[in-house]
PDB file of all heavy atoms in Angstrom:
ATOM      1  N   VAL A   1      -2.596   1.121  15.799  1.00  0.00           N
ATOM      2  CA  VAL A   1      -3.787   1.526  16.557  1.00  0.00           C
ATOM      3  C   VAL A   1      -3.981   2.955  16.515  1.00  0.00           C
ATOM      4  O   VAL A   1      -3.017   3.746  16.792  1.00  0.00           O
ATOM      5  CB  VAL A   1      -3.715   0.963  18.051  1.00  0.00           C
ATOM      6  CG1 VAL A   1      -4.979   1.406  18.749  1.00  0.00           C
ATOM      7  CG2 VAL A   1      -3.560  -0.540  18.108  1.00  0.00           C
ATOM      8  N   VAL A   2      -5.190   3.426  16.179  1.00  0.00           N
ATOM      9  CA  VAL A   2      -5.430   4.888  16.002  1.00  0.00           C
ATOM     10  C   VAL A   2      -6.801   5.103  16.645  1.00  0.00           C
ATOM     11  O   VAL A   2      -7.743   4.333  16.578  1.00  0.00           O
ATOM     12  CB  VAL A   2      -5.223   5.295  14.564  1.00  0.00           C
ATOM     13  CG1 VAL A   2      -6.249   4.707  13.697  1.00  0.00           C
ATOM     14  CG2 VAL A   2      -5.241   6.840  14.497  1.00  0.00           C
ATOM     15  N   GLN A   3      -7.070   6.380  17.111  1.00  0.00           N
ATOM     16  CA  GLN A   3      -8.241   6.717  17.559  1.00  0.00           C
ATOM     17  C   GLN A   3      -9.210   7.212  16.482  1.00  0.00           C
ATOM     18  O   GLN A   3      -8.703   7.593  15.356  1.00  0.00           O
ATOM     19  CB  GLN A   3      -8.116   7.883  18.569  1.00  0.00           C
ATOM     20  CG  GLN A   3      -7.485   7.591  19.904  1.00  0.00           C
ATOM     21  CD  GLN A   3      -7.425   8.687  20.958  1.00  0.00           C
ATOM     22  OE1 GLN A   3      -7.637   9.857  20.500  1.00  0.00           O
ATOM     23  NE2 GLN A   3      -7.252   8.432  22.162  1.00  0.00           N
ATOM     24  N   PRO A   4     -10.478   7.151  16.672  1.00  0.00           N
ATOM     25  CA  PRO A   4     -11.411   7.562  15.628  1.00  0.00           C
ATOM     26  C   PRO A   4     -11.138   9.038  15.347  1.00  0.00           C
ATOM     27  O   PRO A   4     -10.778   9.906  16.074  1.00  0.00           O
ATOM     28  CB  PRO A   4     -12.777   7.417  16.332  1.00  0.00           C
ATOM     29  CG  PRO A   4     -12.655   6.340  17.291  1.00  0.00           C
ATOM     30  CD  PRO A   4     -11.164   6.483  17.801  1.00  0.00           C
ATOM     31  N   GLY A   5     -11.090   9.303  13.928  1.00  0.00           N
ATOM     32  CA  GLY A   5     -10.860  10.544  13.517  1.00  0.00           C
ATOM     33  C   GLY A   5      -9.322  10.764  13.071  1.00  0.00           C
ATOM     34  O   GLY A   5      -8.971  11.760  12.471  1.00  0.00           O
ATOM     35  N   GLY A   6      -8.594   9.755  13.462  1.00  0.00           N
ATOM     36  CA  GLY A   6      -7.190   9.901  13.178  1.00  0.00           C
ATOM     37  C   GLY A   6      -6.813   9.446  11.754  1.00  0.00           C
ATOM     38  O   GLY A   6      -7.650   9.065  10.920  1.00  0.00           O
ATOM     39  N   SER A   7      -5.470   9.371  11.512  1.00  0.00           N
ATOM     40  CA  SER A   7      -4.971   9.046  10.130  1.00  0.00           C
ATOM     41  C   SER A   7      -3.841   8.055  10.277  1.00  0.00           C
ATOM     42  O   SER A   7      -3.060   7.912  11.269  1.00  0.00           O
ATOM     43  CB  SER A   7      -4.457  10.308   9.463  1.00  0.00           C
ATOM     44  OG  SER A   7      -5.443  11.213   9.278  1.00  0.00           O
ATOM     45  N   LEU A   8      -3.748   7.191   9.202  1.00  0.00           N
ATOM     46  CA  LEU A   8      -2.613   6.307   8.987  1.00  0.00           C
ATOM     47  C   LEU A   8      -2.274   6.355   7.585  1.00  0.00           C
ATOM     48  O   LEU A   8      -3.195   6.576   6.682  1.00  0.00           O
ATOM     49  CB  LEU A   8      -2.904   4.886   9.499  1.00  0.00           C
ATOM     50  CG  LEU A   8      -2.970   4.508  10.959  1.00  0.00           C
ATOM     51  CD1 LEU A   8      -3.530   3.060  11.110  1.00  0.00           C
ATOM     52  CD2 LEU A   8      -1.565   4.700  11.559  1.00  0.00           C
ATOM     53  N   ARG A   9      -0.965   5.924   7.285  1.00  0.00           N
ATOM     54  CA  ARG A   9      -0.566   5.816   5.817  1.00  0.00           C
ATOM     55  C   ARG A   9       0.052   4.372   5.741  1.00  0.00           C
ATOM     56  O   ARG A   9       1.014   4.031   6.422  1.00  0.00           O
ATOM     57  CB  ARG A   9       0.426   6.859   5.410  1.00  0.00           C
ATOM     58  CG  ARG A   9       0.722   6.660   3.891  1.00  0.00           C
ATOM     59  CD  ARG A   9       1.605   7.749   3.351  1.00  0.00           C
ATOM     60  NE  ARG A   9       3.047   7.372   3.685  1.00  0.00           N
ATOM     61  CZ  ARG A   9       4.002   7.891   2.981  1.00  0.00           C
ATOM     62  NH1 ARG A   9       3.857   8.693   1.957  1.00  0.00           N
ATOM     63  NH2 ARG A   9       5.264   7.599   3.307  1.00  0.00           N
ATOM     64  N   LEU A  10      -0.574   3.546   4.942  1.00  0.00           N
ATOM     65  CA  LEU A  10      -0.117   2.265   4.709  1.00  0.00           C
ATOM     66  C   LEU A  10       0.823   2.196   3.469  1.00  0.00           C
ATOM     67  O   LEU A  10       0.632   3.011   2.513  1.00  0.00           O
ATOM     68  CB  LEU A  10      -1.243   1.259   4.500  1.00  0.00           C
ATOM     69  CG  LEU A  10      -2.345   1.112   5.515  1.00  0.00           C
ATOM     70  CD1 LEU A  10      -3.327   0.076   5.158  1.00  0.00           C
ATOM     71  CD2 LEU A  10      -1.803   0.890   6.907  1.00  0.00           C
ATOM     72  N   SER A  11       1.798   1.403   3.542  1.00  0.00           N
ATOM     73  CA  SER A  11       2.797   1.226   2.490  1.00  0.00           C
ATOM     74  C   SER A  11       2.792  -0.267   2.048  1.00  0.00           C
ATOM     75  O   SER A  11       2.676  -1.110   2.878  1.00  0.00           O
ATOM     76  CB  SER A  11       4.072   1.688   2.880  1.00  0.00           C
ATOM     77  OG  SER A  11       4.159   3.075   3.242  1.00  0.00           O
ATOM     78  N   CYS A  12       3.020  -0.388   0.735  1.00  0.00           N
ATOM     79  CA  CYS A  12       3.240  -1.695   0.149  1.00  0.00           C
ATOM     80  C   CYS A  12       4.430  -1.709  -0.793  1.00  0.00           C
ATOM     81  O   CYS A  12       4.427  -1.123  -1.816  1.00  0.00           O
ATOM     82  CB  CYS A  12       1.998  -2.221  -0.532  1.00  0.00           C
ATOM     83  SG  CYS A  12       2.137  -3.740  -1.449  1.00  0.00           S
ATOM     84  N   ALA A  13       5.472  -2.295  -0.286  1.00  0.00           N
ATOM     85  CA  ALA A  13       6.826  -2.367  -1.006  1.00  0.00           C
ATOM     86  C   ALA A  13       6.765  -3.567  -2.025  1.00  0.00           C
ATOM     87  O   ALA A  13       6.596  -4.656  -1.499  1.00  0.00           O
ATOM     88  CB  ALA A  13       7.980  -2.389  -0.069  1.00  0.00           C
ATOM     89  N   ALA A  14       7.005  -3.320  -3.344  1.00  0.00           N
ATOM     90  CA  ALA A  14       6.887  -4.349  -4.173  1.00  0.00           C
ATOM     91  C   ALA A  14       8.383  -4.687  -4.667  1.00  0.00           C
ATOM     92  O   ALA A  14       9.195  -3.784  -4.831  1.00  0.00           O
ATOM     93  CB  ALA A  14       6.044  -3.965  -5.427  1.00  0.00           C
ATOM     94  N   SER A  15       8.694  -5.979  -4.953  1.00  0.00           N
ATOM     95  CA  SER A  15       9.983  -6.381  -5.482  1.00  0.00           C
ATOM     96  C   SER A  15       9.677  -7.537  -6.387  1.00  0.00           C
ATOM     97  O   SER A  15       8.689  -8.158  -6.391  1.00  0.00           O
ATOM     98  CB  SER A  15      10.931  -6.668  -4.378  1.00  0.00           C
ATOM     99  OG  SER A  15      10.390  -7.725  -3.636  1.00  0.00           O
ATOM    100  N   GLY A  16      10.794  -7.896  -7.133  1.00  0.00           N
ATOM    101  CA  GLY A  16      10.598  -8.938  -8.029  1.00  0.00           C
ATOM    102  C   GLY A  16      10.342  -8.464  -9.434  1.00  0.00           C
ATOM    103  O   GLY A  16      10.842  -7.426  -9.747  1.00  0.00           O
ATOM    104  N   ILE A  17       9.573  -9.190 -10.173  1.00  0.00           N
ATOM    105  CA  ILE A  17       9.275  -8.756 -11.571  1.00  0.00           C
ATOM    106  C   ILE A  17       8.160  -7.813 -11.574  1.00  0.00           C
ATOM    107  O   ILE A  17       6.971  -8.097 -11.961  1.00  0.00           O
ATOM    108  CB  ILE A  17       9.032 -10.063 -12.500  1.00  0.00           C
ATOM    109  CG1 ILE A  17      10.167 -11.042 -12.401  1.00  0.00           C
ATOM    110  CG2 ILE A  17       8.842  -9.559 -13.928  1.00  0.00           C
ATOM    111  CD1 ILE A  17       9.801 -12.372 -12.976  1.00  0.00           C
ATOM    112  N   ILE A  18       8.478  -6.528 -11.317  1.00  0.00           N
ATOM    113  CA  ILE A  18       7.418  -5.510 -11.059  1.00  0.00           C
ATOM    114  C   ILE A  18       7.125  -4.780 -12.358  1.00  0.00           C
ATOM    115  O   ILE A  18       6.179  -4.057 -12.439  1.00  0.00           O
ATOM    116  CB  ILE A  18       7.825  -4.579  -9.947  1.00  0.00           C
ATOM    117  CG1 ILE A  18       9.119  -3.777 -10.328  1.00  0.00           C
ATOM    118  CG2 ILE A  18       7.912  -5.222  -8.652  1.00  0.00           C
ATOM    119  CD1 ILE A  18       9.536  -2.762  -9.348  1.00  0.00           C
ATOM    120  N   SER A  19       7.969  -4.971 -13.370  1.00  0.00           N
ATOM    121  CA  SER A  19       7.757  -4.109 -14.666  1.00  0.00           C
ATOM    122  C   SER A  19       6.419  -4.550 -15.324  1.00  0.00           C
ATOM    123  O   SER A  19       5.975  -3.798 -16.111  1.00  0.00           O
ATOM    124  CB  SER A  19       8.917  -4.356 -15.498  1.00  0.00           C
ATOM    125  OG  SER A  19       9.073  -5.733 -15.848  1.00  0.00           O
ATOM    126  N   THR A  20       5.948  -5.781 -15.026  1.00  0.00           N
ATOM    127  CA  THR A  20       4.776  -6.146 -15.669  1.00  0.00           C
ATOM    128  C   THR A  20       3.422  -5.908 -14.919  1.00  0.00           C
ATOM    129  O   THR A  20       2.301  -6.225 -15.421  1.00  0.00           O
ATOM    130  CB  THR A  20       4.799  -7.737 -15.935  1.00  0.00           C
ATOM    131  OG1 THR A  20       4.883  -8.355 -14.731  1.00  0.00           O
ATOM    132  CG2 THR A  20       6.021  -8.124 -16.697  1.00  0.00           C
ATOM    133  N   ILE A  21       3.572  -5.245 -13.784  1.00  0.00           N
ATOM    134  CA  ILE A  21       2.327  -4.813 -13.022  1.00  0.00           C
ATOM    135  C   ILE A  21       1.599  -3.770 -13.687  1.00  0.00           C
ATOM    136  O   ILE A  21       2.156  -2.738 -14.275  1.00  0.00           O
ATOM    137  CB  ILE A  21       2.809  -4.358 -11.607  1.00  0.00           C
ATOM    138  CG1 ILE A  21       3.405  -5.468 -10.792  1.00  0.00           C
ATOM    139  CG2 ILE A  21       1.558  -3.833 -10.851  1.00  0.00           C
ATOM    140  CD1 ILE A  21       3.920  -4.999  -9.513  1.00  0.00           C
ATOM    141  N   TYR A  22       0.281  -4.019 -13.825  1.00  0.00           N
ATOM    142  CA  TYR A  22      -0.604  -2.948 -14.455  1.00  0.00           C
ATOM    143  C   TYR A  22      -1.769  -2.542 -13.599  1.00  0.00           C
ATOM    144  O   TYR A  22      -2.451  -1.635 -13.851  1.00  0.00           O
ATOM    145  CB  TYR A  22      -1.094  -3.542 -15.795  1.00  0.00           C
ATOM    146  CG  TYR A  22      -1.993  -4.710 -15.743  1.00  0.00           C
ATOM    147  CD1 TYR A  22      -3.407  -4.647 -15.487  1.00  0.00           C
ATOM    148  CD2 TYR A  22      -1.390  -6.007 -15.883  1.00  0.00           C
ATOM    149  CE1 TYR A  22      -4.103  -5.770 -15.462  1.00  0.00           C
ATOM    150  CE2 TYR A  22      -2.152  -7.146 -15.773  1.00  0.00           C
ATOM    151  CZ  TYR A  22      -3.533  -7.059 -15.525  1.00  0.00           C
ATOM    152  OH  TYR A  22      -4.220  -8.149 -15.536  1.00  0.00           O
ATOM    153  N   TYR A  23      -1.926  -3.208 -12.422  1.00  0.00           N
ATOM    154  CA  TYR A  23      -2.927  -2.803 -11.535  1.00  0.00           C
ATOM    155  C   TYR A  23      -2.536  -3.183 -10.153  1.00  0.00           C
ATOM    156  O   TYR A  23      -1.962  -4.206  -9.743  1.00  0.00           O
ATOM    157  CB  TYR A  23      -4.247  -3.714 -11.918  1.00  0.00           C
ATOM    158  CG  TYR A  23      -5.388  -3.684 -10.970  1.00  0.00           C
ATOM    159  CD1 TYR A  23      -6.418  -2.823 -11.231  1.00  0.00           C
ATOM    160  CD2 TYR A  23      -5.464  -4.556  -9.894  1.00  0.00           C
ATOM    161  CE1 TYR A  23      -7.537  -2.803 -10.360  1.00  0.00           C
ATOM    162  CE2 TYR A  23      -6.497  -4.500  -9.082  1.00  0.00           C
ATOM    163  CZ  TYR A  23      -7.620  -3.679  -9.312  1.00  0.00           C
ATOM    164  OH  TYR A  23      -8.684  -3.715  -8.442  1.00  0.00           O
ATOM    165  N   MET A  24      -2.742  -2.178  -9.230  1.00  0.00           N
ATOM    166  CA  MET A  24      -2.371  -2.334  -7.802  1.00  0.00           C
ATOM    167  C   MET A  24      -3.589  -1.881  -6.896  1.00  0.00           C
ATOM    168  O   MET A  24      -4.305  -1.067  -7.346  1.00  0.00           O
ATOM    169  CB  MET A  24      -1.200  -1.445  -7.445  1.00  0.00           C
ATOM    170  CG  MET A  24      -0.027  -1.742  -8.216  1.00  0.00           C
ATOM    171  SD  MET A  24       1.503  -1.026  -7.663  1.00  0.00           S
ATOM    172  CE  MET A  24       1.891  -1.935  -6.316  1.00  0.00           C
ATOM    173  N   SER A  25      -3.816  -2.610  -5.837  1.00  0.00           N
ATOM    174  CA  SER A  25      -4.983  -2.236  -4.956  1.00  0.00           C
ATOM    175  C   SER A  25      -4.758  -2.567  -3.549  1.00  0.00           C
ATOM    176  O   SER A  25      -3.789  -3.262  -3.243  1.00  0.00           O
ATOM    177  CB  SER A  25      -6.179  -3.099  -5.578  1.00  0.00           C
ATOM    178  OG  SER A  25      -5.981  -4.472  -5.513  1.00  0.00           O
ATOM    179  N   TRP A  26      -5.646  -2.101  -2.828  1.00  0.00           N
ATOM    180  CA  TRP A  26      -5.812  -2.411  -1.297  1.00  0.00           C
ATOM    181  C   TRP A  26      -7.094  -3.083  -1.143  1.00  0.00           C
ATOM    182  O   TRP A  26      -8.123  -2.626  -1.491  1.00  0.00           O
ATOM    183  CB  TRP A  26      -5.629  -1.201  -0.437  1.00  0.00           C
ATOM    184  CG  TRP A  26      -4.307  -0.563  -0.393  1.00  0.00           C
ATOM    185  CD1 TRP A  26      -3.802   0.443  -1.226  1.00  0.00           C
ATOM    186  CD2 TRP A  26      -3.229  -0.972   0.405  1.00  0.00           C
ATOM    187  NE1 TRP A  26      -2.511   0.720  -0.795  1.00  0.00           N
ATOM    188  CE2 TRP A  26      -2.068  -0.116   0.175  1.00  0.00           C
ATOM    189  CE3 TRP A  26      -3.064  -1.905   1.419  1.00  0.00           C
ATOM    190  CZ2 TRP A  26      -0.898  -0.254   0.756  1.00  0.00           C
ATOM    191  CZ3 TRP A  26      -1.858  -1.995   2.020  1.00  0.00           C
ATOM    192  CH2 TRP A  26      -0.727  -1.210   1.763  1.00  0.00           C
TER     193      TRP A  26
END
């Protein structure tokens, strides 16, 4: 929860067969 005007940083940790990933998105 953040107030208007504030900041957050989202993270997405990947595991498994990640060497074949060519595109990542939110």
